[in-house]
Amino acid sequence: MMVPATAVAGAIVFGMANGAIAASFAVSGQTFKVGASKLEGTGFKQYGGFVKEKDGTAHPVAVSEIADAKLYDLCQSVKIPDLPIVLTINAGGGGNPATAKGLLIDMDSLGGDAEFKNIKIGRDATDLNEGATAKSFGQSADSVTITDLEQVARSTSAAIFTLNGLKLKVNVGAAAKECF
């Protein structure tokens, strides 16, 4: 029975990577920051949604799906509540970007300078992801480039996330600074 189980698992991962199946998990309730000097992506989709904490508390989010992404000078940070501690992850420096396939981001906010190619604004969100709310707003583009990216998110998942030049650090006290 190993082959059927492997085939089912592969189909689920393929479906998640292609946005057909939502990657569902309880979020912590805490936000984190992601910065990058540049994000280049293809297969961009965006629509509204909700994420839930383990206790059922719901948070409205903007859901962004990017089929293939490159992130240059990536910085991710999360502040530990009530303590002068910040965990940072850096990757994708020196012209060797971090890459992601099947990137799914549930975010509170996004800033930067963006360029979209072949953007379609005002689409029904269920045309972008069948798990989205019917008749809700959505948009899509063949590609997106965002420079000086600053994002506050609640969750991120990817089918494959390659962090070239990964550096993880626990920063304490005066050194406990977030990405932005």
Protein backbone atom coordinates (compact mmCIF):
# COMPACT_ATOMS: atom_id res chain seq x y z
CA MET A 1 0.00 0.00 0.00
CA MET A 2 3.03 2.29 -0.10
CA VAL A 3 2.50 3.34 -3.72
CA PRO A 4 -1.14 4.51 -3.32
CA ALA A 5 -0.28 6.46 -0.15
CA THR A 6 2.69 8.05 -1.90
CA ALA A 7 0.53 8.91 -4.91
CA VAL A 8 -2.13 10.51 -2.70
CA ALA A 9 0.50 12.50 -0.77
CA GLY A 10 2.06 13.63 -4.05
CA ALA A 11 -1.34 14.70 -5.40
CA ILE A 12 -2.04 16.70 -2.23
CA VAL A 13 1.35 18.46 -2.38
CA PHE A 14 0.84 19.15 -6.11
CA GLY A 15 -2.63 20.55 -5.40
CA MET A 16 -1.32 22.77 -2.62
CA ALA A 17 1.54 24.00 -4.80
CA ASN A 18 -0.89 24.92 -7.56
CA GLY A 19 -3.45 26.60 -5.28
CA ALA A 20 -6.13 23.94 -5.79
CA ILE A 21 -5.94 22.82 -2.16
CA ALA A 22 -5.45 25.35 0.62
CA ALA A 23 -2.69 24.64 3.11
CA SER A 24 -4.75 24.80 6.30
CA PHE A 25 -3.20 25.18 9.72
CA ALA A 26 -3.90 27.16 12.89
CA VAL A 27 -1.92 30.40 13.06
CA SER A 28 -0.20 31.63 16.21
CA GLY A 29 -2.04 34.94 16.33
CA GLN A 30 1.29 36.75 16.14
CA THR A 31 2.45 38.67 13.08
CA PHE A 32 5.93 38.68 11.60
CA LYS A 33 7.74 40.98 9.20
CA VAL A 34 9.22 40.15 5.82
CA GLY A 35 11.40 42.58 3.90
CA ALA A 36 13.25 42.23 0.61
CA SER A 37 15.05 44.62 -1.70
CA LYS A 38 13.10 43.01 -4.56
CA LEU A 39 10.50 40.30 -5.16
CA GLU A 40 10.01 38.98 -8.68
CA GLY A 41 7.12 36.59 -9.22
CA THR A 42 4.98 34.91 -11.84
CA GLY A 43 1.46 33.57 -11.52
CA PHE A 44 0.23 36.23 -9.06
CA LYS A 45 -3.24 35.99 -7.46
CA GLN A 46 -4.68 38.01 -4.58
CA TYR A 47 -7.99 37.95 -2.72
CA GLY A 48 -9.39 38.40 0.78
CA GLY A 49 -9.64 35.67 3.38
CA PHE A 50 -9.42 34.75 7.03
CA VAL A 51 -6.94 32.79 9.12
CA LYS A 52 -7.83 31.23 12.45
CA GLU A 53 -5.91 30.70 15.64
CA LYS A 54 -6.17 27.40 17.48
CA ASP A 55 -8.84 28.88 19.79
CA GLY A 56 -10.95 29.91 16.78
CA THR A 57 -10.06 33.62 16.79
CA ALA A 58 -10.29 34.76 13.17
CA HIS A 59 -8.14 37.42 11.50
CA PRO A 60 -8.98 38.98 8.12
CA VAL A 61 -6.05 38.84 5.70
CA ALA A 62 -5.08 39.59 2.13
CA VAL A 63 -4.12 36.25 0.58
CA SER A 64 -1.39 36.38 -2.07
CA GLU A 65 -0.44 33.39 -4.17
CA ILE A 66 2.70 33.45 -6.31
CA ALA A 67 3.48 30.40 -8.45
CA ASP A 68 7.23 31.15 -8.69
CA ALA A 69 9.04 33.84 -6.71
CA LYS A 70 12.56 35.22 -6.27
CA LEU A 71 13.32 37.29 -3.17
CA TYR A 72 16.51 39.34 -3.06
CA ASP A 73 18.04 40.30 0.31
CA LEU A 74 15.24 38.58 2.23
CA CYS A 75 14.81 39.42 5.90
CA GLN A 76 12.18 37.84 8.14
CA SER A 77 11.76 38.84 11.77
CA VAL A 78 9.47 37.98 14.64
CA LYS A 79 9.45 39.75 18.00
CA ILE A 80 8.91 37.57 21.05
CA PRO A 81 5.99 39.11 22.99
CA ASP A 82 6.89 41.03 26.17
CA LEU A 83 10.63 40.29 25.83
CA PRO A 84 13.51 42.18 24.16
CA ILE A 85 14.09 39.25 21.79
CA VAL A 86 13.78 39.20 17.99
CA LEU A 87 14.41 36.16 15.82
CA THR A 88 15.72 37.08 12.35
CA ILE A 89 16.27 35.03 9.23
CA ASN A 90 18.27 36.45 6.33
CA ALA A 91 18.79 34.86 2.92
CA GLY A 92 19.04 35.66 -0.76
CA GLY A 93 21.91 38.13 -0.63
CA GLY A 94 24.80 38.71 -3.01
CA GLY A 95 22.66 38.40 -6.14
CA ASN A 96 21.67 34.80 -5.26
CA PRO A 97 17.96 35.17 -4.38
CA ALA A 98 15.83 33.00 -2.15
CA THR A 99 13.28 31.17 -4.31
CA ALA A 100 9.80 29.79 -3.69
CA LYS A 101 7.36 27.65 -5.61
CA GLY A 102 3.69 27.65 -4.66
CA LEU A 103 4.13 30.60 -2.29
CA LEU A 104 1.02 31.41 -0.24
CA ILE A 105 1.04 34.45 2.08
CA ASP A 106 -1.67 35.56 4.53
CA MET A 107 -0.83 39.19 5.24
CA ASP A 108 -2.02 42.20 7.20
CA SER A 109 -0.13 44.78 5.15
CA LEU A 110 2.23 45.22 2.22
CA GLY A 111 4.37 48.17 1.13
CA GLY A 112 6.83 48.87 -1.66
CA ASP A 113 6.90 49.89 -5.31
CA ALA A 114 5.00 47.39 -7.45
CA GLU A 115 4.75 46.67 -11.16
CA PHE A 116 2.22 44.15 -12.49
CA LYS A 117 2.11 42.72 -16.01
CA ASN A 118 -1.29 41.87 -17.51
CA ILE A 119 -3.15 42.64 -14.28
CA LYS A 120 -6.86 41.90 -14.00
CA ILE A 121 -8.52 43.74 -11.10
CA GLY A 122 -12.01 42.96 -9.80
CA ARG A 123 -12.15 39.25 -10.59
CA ASP A 124 -14.36 36.90 -8.60
CA ALA A 125 -12.04 35.38 -6.02
CA THR A 126 -13.37 31.85 -6.64
CA ASP A 127 -12.02 32.07 -10.19
CA LEU A 128 -8.57 32.42 -8.59
CA ASN A 129 -8.95 29.82 -5.82
CA GLU A 130 -12.03 27.67 -5.35
CA GLY A 131 -11.57 27.89 -1.57
CA ALA A 132 -12.09 31.68 -1.63
CA THR A 133 -15.41 33.36 -0.77
CA ALA A 134 -17.79 33.56 -3.74
CA LYS A 135 -18.47 37.03 -5.17
CA SER A 136 -15.55 38.53 -3.25
CA PHE A 137 -12.89 40.75 -4.82
CA GLY A 138 -9.81 39.29 -6.43
CA GLN A 139 -7.02 40.27 -8.78
CA SER A 140 -4.41 38.44 -10.81
CA ALA A 141 -1.39 39.21 -12.97
CA ASP A 142 1.01 37.26 -15.15
CA SER A 143 3.90 38.72 -13.15
CA VAL A 144 4.68 41.05 -10.27
CA THR A 145 7.83 42.93 -9.25
CA ILE A 146 7.93 44.69 -5.88
CA THR A 147 10.97 46.71 -4.85
CA ASP A 148 11.61 47.75 -1.24
CA LEU A 149 9.11 45.13 -0.05
CA GLU A 150 7.83 45.52 3.52
CA GLN A 151 5.17 43.03 4.54
CA VAL A 152 3.47 42.14 7.82
CA ALA A 153 2.09 38.60 7.65
CA ARG A 154 0.34 36.00 9.79
CA SER A 155 1.45 32.94 7.82
CA THR A 156 3.51 31.88 4.83
CA SER A 157 3.70 28.49 3.19
CA ALA A 158 5.33 27.17 0.04
CA ALA A 159 5.64 23.88 -1.79
CA ILE A 160 9.39 24.56 -2.04
CA PHE A 161 11.26 27.42 -0.32
CA THR A 162 15.01 27.65 -1.01
CA LEU A 163 16.90 30.01 1.31
CA ASN A 164 20.31 30.59 -0.27
CA GLY A 165 22.84 31.94 2.24
CA LEU A 166 20.52 31.29 5.20
CA LYS A 167 21.43 33.03 8.46
CA LEU A 168 19.21 32.60 11.52
CA LYS A 169 19.93 34.66 14.63
CA VAL A 170 18.34 35.25 18.02
CA ASN A 171 18.87 38.93 18.83
CA VAL A 172 18.61 40.02 22.48
CA GLY A 173 18.46 43.43 24.15
CA ALA A 174 19.69 46.43 22.12
CA ALA A 175 20.40 44.13 19.14
CA ALA A 176 16.75 42.98 19.08
CA LYS A 177 15.72 44.91 15.96
CA GLU A 178 13.17 43.79 13.40
CA CYS A 179 13.69 43.92 9.62
CA PHE A 180 11.92 47.30 9.42
